[in-house]
Amino acid sequence: MQSPTLQQFTDEVIQTEPDEFIIDLLKKPQERLFLLKLEMEIEGFIKDEQRLRFDFPGMNSYQRLMVHKLAPYYKLNHYHDAMRKAVYVCKTVVTEL
């Protein structure tokens, strides 16, 4: 059995700056707290060399959008799991903090 490997980064554009949507979120206290929690979870995931995939718990559509907008900044592939109404991210060959 083959062990899991890093994926190729699938976004068309490699971001070097946070999405404008993320910058706007930082101006809103309620969203800023959630966003900071997301960043901590993502950074912990990236630092964990044993894991290639991170499943977020069920979220509302706005929170899922935050994940989809934040993931490319870290060069993570991001996917929607419609059954769980959740998203998950996968490390890529270019993932970085």
PDB file of N, CA and C in Angstrom:
ATOM      1  N   MET A   1       0.840  -1.189   0.000  1.00  0.00           N
ATOM      2  CA  MET A   1       0.000   0.000   0.000  1.00  0.00           C
ATOM      3  C   MET A   1       0.879   1.244   0.000  1.00  0.00           C
ATOM      4  N   GLN A   2       0.526   2.207  -0.853  1.00  0.00           N
ATOM      5  CA  GLN A   2       1.289   3.430  -0.965  1.00  0.00           C
ATOM      6  C   GLN A   2       0.910   4.403   0.139  1.00  0.00           C
ATOM      7  N   SER A   3       1.885   5.123   0.693  1.00  0.00           N
ATOM      8  CA  SER A   3       1.561   6.114   1.709  1.00  0.00           C
ATOM      9  C   SER A   3       1.081   7.394   1.032  1.00  0.00           C
ATOM     10  N   PRO A   4       0.254   8.166   1.724  1.00  0.00           N
ATOM     11  CA  PRO A   4      -0.257   9.412   1.141  1.00  0.00           C
ATOM     12  C   PRO A   4       0.895  10.362   0.814  1.00  0.00           C
ATOM     13  N   THR A   5       0.716  11.159  -0.221  1.00  0.00           N
ATOM     14  CA  THR A   5       1.733  12.125  -0.616  1.00  0.00           C
ATOM     15  C   THR A   5       1.119  13.516  -0.698  1.00  0.00           C
ATOM     16  N   LEU A   6       1.977  14.508  -0.769  1.00  0.00           N
ATOM     17  CA  LEU A   6       1.513  15.884  -0.916  1.00  0.00           C
ATOM     18  C   LEU A   6       0.878  16.075  -2.286  1.00  0.00           C
ATOM     19  N   GLN A   7      -0.141  16.914  -2.332  1.00  0.00           N
ATOM     20  CA  GLN A   7      -0.833  17.198  -3.585  1.00  0.00           C
ATOM     21  C   GLN A   7      -0.149  18.343  -4.321  1.00  0.00           C
ATOM     22  N   GLN A   8      -0.449  18.458  -5.600  1.00  0.00           N
ATOM     23  CA  GLN A   8      -0.068  19.646  -6.348  1.00  0.00           C
ATOM     24  C   GLN A   8      -1.029  20.761  -5.956  1.00  0.00           C
ATOM     25  N   PHE A   9      -0.564  21.982  -5.905  1.00  0.00           N
ATOM     26  CA  PHE A   9      -1.416  23.123  -5.562  1.00  0.00           C
ATOM     27  C   PHE A   9      -2.344  23.392  -6.736  1.00  0.00           C
ATOM     28  N   THR A  10      -3.654  23.464  -6.476  1.00  0.00           N
ATOM     29  CA  THR A  10      -4.621  23.532  -7.572  1.00  0.00           C
ATOM     30  C   THR A  10      -5.165  24.922  -7.874  1.00  0.00           C
ATOM     31  N   ASP A  11      -4.902  25.913  -7.023  1.00  0.00           N
ATOM     32  CA  ASP A  11      -5.396  27.262  -7.319  1.00  0.00           C
ATOM     33  C   ASP A  11      -4.619  27.826  -8.515  1.00  0.00           C
ATOM     34  N   GLU A  12      -5.304  28.588  -9.334  1.00  0.00           N
ATOM     35  CA  GLU A  12      -4.676  29.129 -10.537  1.00  0.00           C
ATOM     36  C   GLU A  12      -3.629  30.193 -10.218  1.00  0.00           C
ATOM     37  N   VAL A  13      -3.874  30.964  -9.172  1.00  0.00           N
ATOM     38  CA  VAL A  13      -2.971  32.050  -8.798  1.00  0.00           C
ATOM     39  C   VAL A  13      -2.390  31.741  -7.423  1.00  0.00           C
ATOM     40  N   ILE A  14      -1.088  31.877  -7.296  1.00  0.00           N
ATOM     41  CA  ILE A  14      -0.448  31.681  -5.994  1.00  0.00           C
ATOM     42  C   ILE A  14      -0.423  33.025  -5.281  1.00  0.00           C
ATOM     43  N   GLN A  15      -1.171  33.106  -4.185  1.00  0.00           N
ATOM     44  CA  GLN A  15      -1.277  34.354  -3.445  1.00  0.00           C
ATOM     45  C   GLN A  15      -0.047  34.586  -2.575  1.00  0.00           C
ATOM     46  N   THR A  16       0.380  35.846  -2.539  1.00  0.00           N
ATOM     47  CA  THR A  16       1.457  36.219  -1.633  1.00  0.00           C
ATOM     48  C   THR A  16       0.934  37.130  -0.532  1.00  0.00           C
ATOM     49  N   GLU A  17      -0.267  37.622  -0.712  1.00  0.00           N
ATOM     50  CA  GLU A  17      -0.935  38.481   0.271  1.00  0.00           C
ATOM     51  C   GLU A  17      -2.309  37.896   0.567  1.00  0.00           C
ATOM     52  N   PRO A  18      -2.849  38.156   1.766  1.00  0.00           N
ATOM     53  CA  PRO A  18      -4.202  37.670   2.075  1.00  0.00           C
ATOM     54  C   PRO A  18      -5.240  38.260   1.108  1.00  0.00           C
ATOM     55  N   ASP A  19      -6.267  37.498   0.846  1.00  0.00           N
ATOM     56  CA  ASP A  19      -7.379  37.937   0.023  1.00  0.00           C
ATOM     57  C   ASP A  19      -8.007  39.191   0.650  1.00  0.00           C
ATOM     58  N   GLU A  20      -8.528  40.066  -0.184  1.00  0.00           N
ATOM     59  CA  GLU A  20      -9.171  41.308   0.303  1.00  0.00           C
ATOM     60  C   GLU A  20     -10.311  40.985   1.272  1.00  0.00           C
ATOM     61  N   PHE A  21     -11.006  39.902   1.024  1.00  0.00           N
ATOM     62  CA  PHE A  21     -12.085  39.450   1.908  1.00  0.00           C
ATOM     63  C   PHE A  21     -11.555  39.223   3.325  1.00  0.00           C
ATOM     64  N   ILE A  22     -10.372  38.600   3.438  1.00  0.00           N
ATOM     65  CA  ILE A  22      -9.759  38.331   4.743  1.00  0.00           C
ATOM     66  C   ILE A  22      -9.367  39.637   5.425  1.00  0.00           C
ATOM     67  N   ILE A  23      -8.821  40.560   4.680  1.00  0.00           N
ATOM     68  CA  ILE A  23      -8.427  41.854   5.242  1.00  0.00           C
ATOM     69  C   ILE A  23      -9.655  42.581   5.792  1.00  0.00           C
ATOM     70  N   ASP A  24     -10.767  42.525   5.072  1.00  0.00           N
ATOM     71  CA  ASP A  24     -12.009  43.148   5.551  1.00  0.00           C
ATOM     72  C   ASP A  24     -12.514  42.464   6.818  1.00  0.00           C
ATOM     73  N   LEU A  25     -12.363  41.154   6.908  1.00  0.00           N
ATOM     74  CA  LEU A  25     -12.810  40.422   8.099  1.00  0.00           C
ATOM     75  C   LEU A  25     -12.053  40.868   9.350  1.00  0.00           C
ATOM     76  N   LEU A  26     -10.788  41.183   9.178  1.00  0.00           N
ATOM     77  CA  LEU A  26      -9.972  41.600  10.322  1.00  0.00           C
ATOM     78  C   LEU A  26     -10.475  42.890  10.954  1.00  0.00           C
ATOM     79  N   LYS A  27     -11.273  43.651  10.225  1.00  0.00           N
ATOM     80  CA  LYS A  27     -11.817  44.916  10.732  1.00  0.00           C
ATOM     81  C   LYS A  27     -13.078  44.699  11.568  1.00  0.00           C
ATOM     82  N   LYS A  28     -13.626  43.484  11.545  1.00  0.00           N
ATOM     83  CA  LYS A  28     -14.866  43.185  12.263  1.00  0.00           C
ATOM     84  C   LYS A  28     -14.536  42.310  13.473  1.00  0.00           C
ATOM     85  N   PRO A  29     -14.780  42.802  14.687  1.00  0.00           N
ATOM     86  CA  PRO A  29     -14.376  42.060  15.895  1.00  0.00           C
ATOM     87  C   PRO A  29     -14.872  40.616  15.953  1.00  0.00           C
ATOM     88  N   GLN A  30     -16.119  40.369  15.621  1.00  0.00           N
ATOM     89  CA  GLN A  30     -16.683  39.021  15.700  1.00  0.00           C
ATOM     90  C   GLN A  30     -15.983  38.082  14.723  1.00  0.00           C
ATOM     91  N   GLU A  31     -15.826  38.524  13.488  1.00  0.00           N
ATOM     92  CA  GLU A  31     -15.176  37.694  12.477  1.00  0.00           C
ATOM     93  C   GLU A  31     -13.680  37.556  12.753  1.00  0.00           C
ATOM     94  N   ARG A  32     -13.075  38.594  13.305  1.00  0.00           N
ATOM     95  CA  ARG A  32     -11.641  38.551  13.592  1.00  0.00           C
ATOM     96  C   ARG A  32     -11.314  37.410  14.551  1.00  0.00           C
ATOM     97  N   LEU A  33     -12.142  37.216  15.575  1.00  0.00           N
ATOM     98  CA  LEU A  33     -11.913  36.134  16.535  1.00  0.00           C
ATOM     99  C   LEU A  33     -11.985  34.762  15.859  1.00  0.00           C
ATOM    100  N   PHE A  34     -12.996  34.583  15.029  1.00  0.00           N
ATOM    101  CA  PHE A  34     -13.131  33.306  14.325  1.00  0.00           C
ATOM    102  C   PHE A  34     -11.958  33.097  13.368  1.00  0.00           C
ATOM    103  N   LEU A  35     -11.574  34.151  12.667  1.00  0.00           N
ATOM    104  CA  LEU A  35     -10.469  34.075  11.724  1.00  0.00           C
ATOM    105  C   LEU A  35      -9.156  33.732  12.440  1.00  0.00           C
ATOM    106  N   LEU A  36      -8.910  34.329  13.586  1.00  0.00           N
ATOM    107  CA  LEU A  36      -7.690  34.029  14.342  1.00  0.00           C
ATOM    108  C   LEU A  36      -7.679  32.571  14.801  1.00  0.00           C
ATOM    109  N   LYS A  37      -8.846  32.073  15.182  1.00  0.00           N
ATOM    110  CA  LYS A  37      -8.948  30.654  15.558  1.00  0.00           C
ATOM    111  C   LYS A  37      -8.634  29.760  14.351  1.00  0.00           C
ATOM    112  N   LEU A  38      -9.166  30.124  13.194  1.00  0.00           N
ATOM    113  CA  LEU A  38      -8.880  29.368  11.967  1.00  0.00           C
ATOM    114  C   LEU A  38      -7.383  29.363  11.682  1.00  0.00           C
ATOM    115  N   GLU A  39      -6.776  30.521  11.791  1.00  0.00           N
ATOM    116  CA  GLU A  39      -5.339  30.618  11.515  1.00  0.00           C
ATOM    117  C   GLU A  39      -4.531  29.744  12.464  1.00  0.00           C
ATOM    118  N   MET A  40      -4.899  29.712  13.721  1.00  0.00           N
ATOM    119  CA  MET A  40      -4.190  28.871  14.688  1.00  0.00           C
ATOM    120  C   MET A  40      -4.334  27.393  14.324  1.00  0.00           C
ATOM    121  N   GLU A  41      -5.544  26.990  13.932  1.00  0.00           N
ATOM    122  CA  GLU A  41      -5.770  25.598  13.547  1.00  0.00           C
ATOM    123  C   GLU A  41      -4.968  25.235  12.296  1.00  0.00           C
ATOM    124  N   ILE A  42      -4.975  26.132  11.315  1.00  0.00           N
ATOM    125  CA  ILE A  42      -4.247  25.881  10.069  1.00  0.00           C
ATOM    126  C   ILE A  42      -2.747  25.814  10.322  1.00  0.00           C
ATOM    127  N   GLU A  43      -2.231  26.748  11.101  1.00  0.00           N
ATOM    128  CA  GLU A  43      -0.792  26.764  11.370  1.00  0.00           C
ATOM    129  C   GLU A  43      -0.367  25.523  12.154  1.00  0.00           C
ATOM    130  N   GLY A  44      -1.194  25.090  13.101  1.00  0.00           N
ATOM    131  CA  GLY A  44      -0.911  23.860  13.830  1.00  0.00           C
ATOM    132  C   GLY A  44      -0.899  22.655  12.900  1.00  0.00           C
ATOM    133  N   PHE A  45      -1.839  22.628  11.983  1.00  0.00           N
ATOM    134  CA  PHE A  45      -1.909  21.551  10.986  1.00  0.00           C
ATOM    135  C   PHE A  45      -0.662  21.538  10.106  1.00  0.00           C
ATOM    136  N   ILE A  46      -0.247  22.706   9.616  1.00  0.00           N
ATOM    137  CA  ILE A  46       0.914  22.781   8.733  1.00  0.00           C
ATOM    138  C   ILE A  46       2.180  22.316   9.457  1.00  0.00           C
ATOM    139  N   LYS A  47       2.303  22.648  10.715  1.00  0.00           N
ATOM    140  CA  LYS A  47       3.486  22.266  11.493  1.00  0.00           C
ATOM    141  C   LYS A  47       3.523  20.770  11.813  1.00  0.00           C
ATOM    142  N   ASP A  48       2.379  20.125  11.786  1.00  0.00           N
ATOM    143  CA  ASP A  48       2.294  18.688  12.090  1.00  0.00           C
ATOM    144  C   ASP A  48       2.681  17.887  10.844  1.00  0.00           C
ATOM    145  N   GLU A  49       3.882  17.378  10.831  1.00  0.00           N
ATOM    146  CA  GLU A  49       4.394  16.686   9.652  1.00  0.00           C
ATOM    147  C   GLU A  49       3.708  15.347   9.387  1.00  0.00           C
ATOM    148  N   GLN A  50       2.970  14.827  10.355  1.00  0.00           N
ATOM    149  CA  GLN A  50       2.301  13.536  10.201  1.00  0.00           C
ATOM    150  C   GLN A  50       0.978  13.637   9.437  1.00  0.00           C
ATOM    151  N   ARG A  51       0.420  14.832   9.389  1.00  0.00           N
ATOM    152  CA  ARG A  51      -0.907  14.996   8.788  1.00  0.00           C
ATOM    153  C   ARG A  51      -0.830  15.702   7.448  1.00  0.00           C
ATOM    154  N   LEU A  52      -1.589  15.206   6.491  1.00  0.00           N
ATOM    155  CA  LEU A  52      -1.666  15.826   5.172  1.00  0.00           C
ATOM    156  C   LEU A  52      -3.035  16.452   4.921  1.00  0.00           C
ATOM    157  N   ARG A  53      -4.007  16.119   5.772  1.00  0.00           N
ATOM    158  CA  ARG A  53      -5.379  16.618   5.604  1.00  0.00           C
ATOM    159  C   ARG A  53      -5.902  17.076   6.957  1.00  0.00           C
ATOM    160  N   PHE A  54      -6.654  18.177   6.929  1.00  0.00           N
ATOM    161  CA  PHE A  54      -7.281  18.679   8.151  1.00  0.00           C
ATOM    162  C   PHE A  54      -8.760  18.905   7.866  1.00  0.00           C
ATOM    163  N   ASP A  55      -9.620  18.242   8.637  1.00  0.00           N
ATOM    164  CA  ASP A  55     -11.067  18.384   8.499  1.00  0.00           C
ATOM    165  C   ASP A  55     -11.578  19.384   9.525  1.00  0.00           C
ATOM    166  N   PHE A  56     -12.196  20.445   9.056  1.00  0.00           N
ATOM    167  CA  PHE A  56     -12.818  21.400   9.963  1.00  0.00           C
ATOM    168  C   PHE A  56     -14.173  20.851  10.399  1.00  0.00           C
ATOM    169  N   PRO A  57     -14.633  21.221  11.582  1.00  0.00           N
ATOM    170  CA  PRO A  57     -15.968  20.780  12.009  1.00  0.00           C
ATOM    171  C   PRO A  57     -17.039  21.457  11.152  1.00  0.00           C
ATOM    172  N   GLY A  58     -18.271  21.009  11.293  1.00  0.00           N
ATOM    173  CA  GLY A  58     -19.374  21.622  10.558  1.00  0.00           C
ATOM    174  C   GLY A  58     -19.414  23.125  10.779  1.00  0.00           C
ATOM    175  N   MET A  59     -19.665  23.858   9.718  1.00  0.00           N
ATOM    176  CA  MET A  59     -19.683  25.328   9.778  1.00  0.00           C
ATOM    177  C   MET A  59     -20.838  25.844   8.947  1.00  0.00           C
ATOM    178  N   ASN A  60     -21.211  27.099   9.208  1.00  0.00           N
ATOM    179  CA  ASN A  60     -22.202  27.727   8.337  1.00  0.00           C
ATOM    180  C   ASN A  60     -21.506  28.174   7.043  1.00  0.00           C
ATOM    181  N   SER A  61     -22.265  28.568   6.059  1.00  0.00           N
ATOM    182  CA  SER A  61     -21.694  28.877   4.742  1.00  0.00           C
ATOM    183  C   SER A  61     -20.706  30.043   4.802  1.00  0.00           C
ATOM    184  N   TYR A  62     -20.949  31.003   5.649  1.00  0.00           N
ATOM    185  CA  TYR A  62     -20.042  32.157   5.770  1.00  0.00           C
ATOM    186  C   TYR A  62     -18.696  31.718   6.349  1.00  0.00           C
ATOM    187  N   GLN A  63     -18.721  30.856   7.342  1.00  0.00           N
ATOM    188  CA  GLN A  63     -17.478  30.354   7.934  1.00  0.00           C
ATOM    189  C   GLN A  63     -16.715  29.479   6.932  1.00  0.00           C
ATOM    190  N   ARG A  64     -17.442  28.682   6.160  1.00  0.00           N
ATOM    191  CA  ARG A  64     -16.782  27.870   5.131  1.00  0.00           C
ATOM    192  C   ARG A  64     -16.110  28.758   4.095  1.00  0.00           C
ATOM    193  N   LEU A  65     -16.772  29.869   3.754  1.00  0.00           N
ATOM    194  CA  LEU A  65     -16.188  30.822   2.813  1.00  0.00           C
ATOM    195  C   LEU A  65     -14.872  31.368   3.368  1.00  0.00           C
ATOM    196  N   MET A  66     -14.833  31.632   4.666  1.00  0.00           N
ATOM    197  CA  MET A  66     -13.594  32.121   5.288  1.00  0.00           C
ATOM    198  C   MET A  66     -12.461  31.122   5.083  1.00  0.00           C
ATOM    199  N   VAL A  67     -12.744  29.848   5.274  1.00  0.00           N
ATOM    200  CA  VAL A  67     -11.720  28.817   5.082  1.00  0.00           C
ATOM    201  C   VAL A  67     -11.254  28.810   3.630  1.00  0.00           C
ATOM    202  N   HIS A  68     -12.206  28.861   2.692  1.00  0.00           N
ATOM    203  CA  HIS A  68     -11.862  28.833   1.269  1.00  0.00           C
ATOM    204  C   HIS A  68     -11.021  30.042   0.863  1.00  0.00           C
ATOM    205  N   LYS A  69     -11.254  31.179   1.504  1.00  0.00           N
ATOM    206  CA  LYS A  69     -10.484  32.385   1.183  1.00  0.00           C
ATOM    207  C   LYS A  69      -9.119  32.386   1.866  1.00  0.00           C
ATOM    208  N   LEU A  70      -9.021  31.752   3.034  1.00  0.00           N
ATOM    209  CA  LEU A  70      -7.770  31.744   3.789  1.00  0.00           C
ATOM    210  C   LEU A  70      -6.798  30.665   3.304  1.00  0.00           C
ATOM    211  N   ALA A  71      -7.302  29.526   2.900  1.00  0.00           N
ATOM    212  CA  ALA A  71      -6.451  28.387   2.513  1.00  0.00           C
ATOM    213  C   ALA A  71      -5.420  28.720   1.427  1.00  0.00           C
ATOM    214  N   PRO A  72      -5.788  29.439   0.360  1.00  0.00           N
ATOM    215  CA  PRO A  72      -4.783  29.716  -0.676  1.00  0.00           C
ATOM    216  C   PRO A  72      -3.591  30.535  -0.175  1.00  0.00           C
ATOM    217  N   TYR A  73      -3.801  31.355   0.836  1.00  0.00           N
ATOM    218  CA  TYR A  73      -2.690  32.139   1.391  1.00  0.00           C
ATOM    219  C   TYR A  73      -1.595  31.211   1.919  1.00  0.00           C
ATOM    220  N   TYR A  74      -2.002  30.081   2.482  1.00  0.00           N
ATOM    221  CA  TYR A  74      -1.046  29.086   2.991  1.00  0.00           C
ATOM    222  C   TYR A  74      -0.692  28.047   1.926  1.00  0.00           C
ATOM    223  N   LYS A  75      -1.255  28.223   0.740  1.00  0.00           N
ATOM    224  CA  LYS A  75      -1.048  27.306  -0.382  1.00  0.00           C
ATOM    225  C   LYS A  75      -1.531  25.891  -0.049  1.00  0.00           C
ATOM    226  N   LEU A  76      -2.717  25.861   0.542  1.00  0.00           N
ATOM    227  CA  LEU A  76      -3.412  24.607   0.845  1.00  0.00           C
ATOM    228  C   LEU A  76      -4.525  24.416  -0.175  1.00  0.00           C
ATOM    229  N   ASN A  77      -4.745  23.188  -0.600  1.00  0.00           N
ATOM    230  CA  ASN A  77      -5.936  22.901  -1.394  1.00  0.00           C
ATOM    231  C   ASN A  77      -7.119  22.845  -0.441  1.00  0.00           C
ATOM    232  N   HIS A  78      -8.259  23.319  -0.894  1.00  0.00           N
ATOM    233  CA  HIS A  78      -9.439  23.389  -0.031  1.00  0.00           C
ATOM    234  C   HIS A  78     -10.639  22.791  -0.747  1.00  0.00           C
ATOM    235  N   TYR A  79     -11.408  22.026   0.023  1.00  0.00           N
ATOM    236  CA  TYR A  79     -12.528  21.271  -0.533  1.00  0.00           C
ATOM    237  C   TYR A  79     -13.760  21.407   0.347  1.00  0.00           C
ATOM    238  N   HIS A  80     -14.917  21.264  -0.271  1.00  0.00           N
ATOM    239  CA  HIS A  80     -16.192  21.315   0.441  1.00  0.00           C
ATOM    240  C   HIS A  80     -16.750  19.898   0.557  1.00  0.00           C
ATOM    241  N   ASP A  81     -17.137  19.521   1.754  1.00  0.00           N
ATOM    242  CA  ASP A  81     -17.777  18.223   1.999  1.00  0.00           C
ATOM    243  C   ASP A  81     -19.261  18.501   2.208  1.00  0.00           C
ATOM    244  N   ALA A  82     -20.040  18.365   1.155  1.00  0.00           N
ATOM    245  CA  ALA A  82     -21.464  18.719   1.199  1.00  0.00           C
ATOM    246  C   ALA A  82     -22.253  17.879   2.194  1.00  0.00           C
ATOM    247  N   MET A  83     -21.870  16.633   2.357  1.00  0.00           N
ATOM    248  CA  MET A  83     -22.593  15.757   3.286  1.00  0.00           C
ATOM    249  C   MET A  83     -22.508  16.275   4.719  1.00  0.00           C
ATOM    250  N   ARG A  84     -21.346  16.745   5.124  1.00  0.00           N
ATOM    251  CA  ARG A  84     -21.142  17.229   6.495  1.00  0.00           C
ATOM    252  C   ARG A  84     -21.317  18.744   6.613  1.00  0.00           C
ATOM    253  N   LYS A  85     -21.526  19.426   5.493  1.00  0.00           N
ATOM    254  CA  LYS A  85     -21.547  20.889   5.468  1.00  0.00           C
ATOM    255  C   LYS A  85     -20.286  21.429   6.127  1.00  0.00           C
ATOM    256  N   ALA A  86     -19.174  20.882   5.690  1.00  0.00           N
ATOM    257  CA  ALA A  86     -17.884  21.251   6.262  1.00  0.00           C
ATOM    258  C   ALA A  86     -16.865  21.368   5.135  1.00  0.00           C
ATOM    259  N   VAL A  87     -15.706  21.854   5.501  1.00  0.00           N
ATOM    260  CA  VAL A  87     -14.611  21.945   4.543  1.00  0.00           C
ATOM    261  C   VAL A  87     -13.389  21.247   5.123  1.00  0.00           C
ATOM    262  N   TYR A  88     -12.497  20.869   4.227  1.00  0.00           N
ATOM    263  CA  TYR A  88     -11.221  20.321   4.665  1.00  0.00           C
ATOM    264  C   TYR A  88     -10.139  20.871   3.759  1.00  0.00           C
ATOM    265  N   VAL A  89      -8.926  20.880   4.282  1.00  0.00           N
ATOM    266  CA  VAL A  89      -7.784  21.370   3.524  1.00  0.00           C
ATOM    267  C   VAL A  89      -6.734  20.276   3.468  1.00  0.00           C
ATOM    268  N   CYS A  90      -5.933  20.310   2.403  1.00  0.00           N
ATOM    269  CA  CYS A  90      -4.848  19.346   2.217  1.00  0.00           C
ATOM    270  C   CYS A  90      -3.560  20.097   1.926  1.00  0.00           C
ATOM    271  N   LYS A  91      -2.480  19.577   2.484  1.00  0.00           N
ATOM    272  CA  LYS A  91      -1.172  20.169   2.213  1.00  0.00           C
ATOM    273  C   LYS A  91      -0.797  19.910   0.764  1.00  0.00           C
ATOM    274  N   THR A  92       0.004  20.823   0.224  1.00  0.00           N
ATOM    275  CA  THR A  92       0.497  20.695  -1.139  1.00  0.00           C
ATOM    276  C   THR A  92       2.024  20.755  -1.111  1.00  0.00           C
ATOM    277  N   VAL A  93       2.617  20.563  -2.252  1.00  0.00           N
ATOM    278  CA  VAL A  93       4.078  20.616  -2.338  1.00  0.00           C
ATOM    279  C   VAL A  93       4.618  22.022  -2.062  1.00  0.00           C
ATOM    280  N   VAL A  94       3.755  23.042  -2.104  1.00  0.00           N
ATOM    281  CA  VAL A  94       4.208  24.416  -1.867  1.00  0.00           C
ATOM    282  C   VAL A  94       3.614  25.024  -0.593  1.00  0.00           C
ATOM    283  N   THR A  95       2.923  24.243   0.227  1.00  0.00           N
ATOM    284  CA  THR A  95       2.330  24.753   1.461  1.00  0.00           C
ATOM    285  C   THR A  95       3.403  25.389   2.326  1.00  0.00           C
ATOM    286  N   GLU A  96       3.071  26.553   2.900  1.00  0.00           N
ATOM    287  CA  GLU A  96       4.024  27.249   3.775  1.00  0.00           C
ATOM    288  C   GLU A  96       3.299  28.129   4.774  1.00  0.00           C
ATOM    289  N   LEU A  97       4.020  28.459   5.831  1.00  0.00           N
ATOM    290  CA  LEU A  97       3.495  29.393   6.834  1.00  0.00           C
ATOM    291  C   LEU A  97       3.820  30.815   6.436  1.00  0.00           C
TER     292      LEU A  97
END
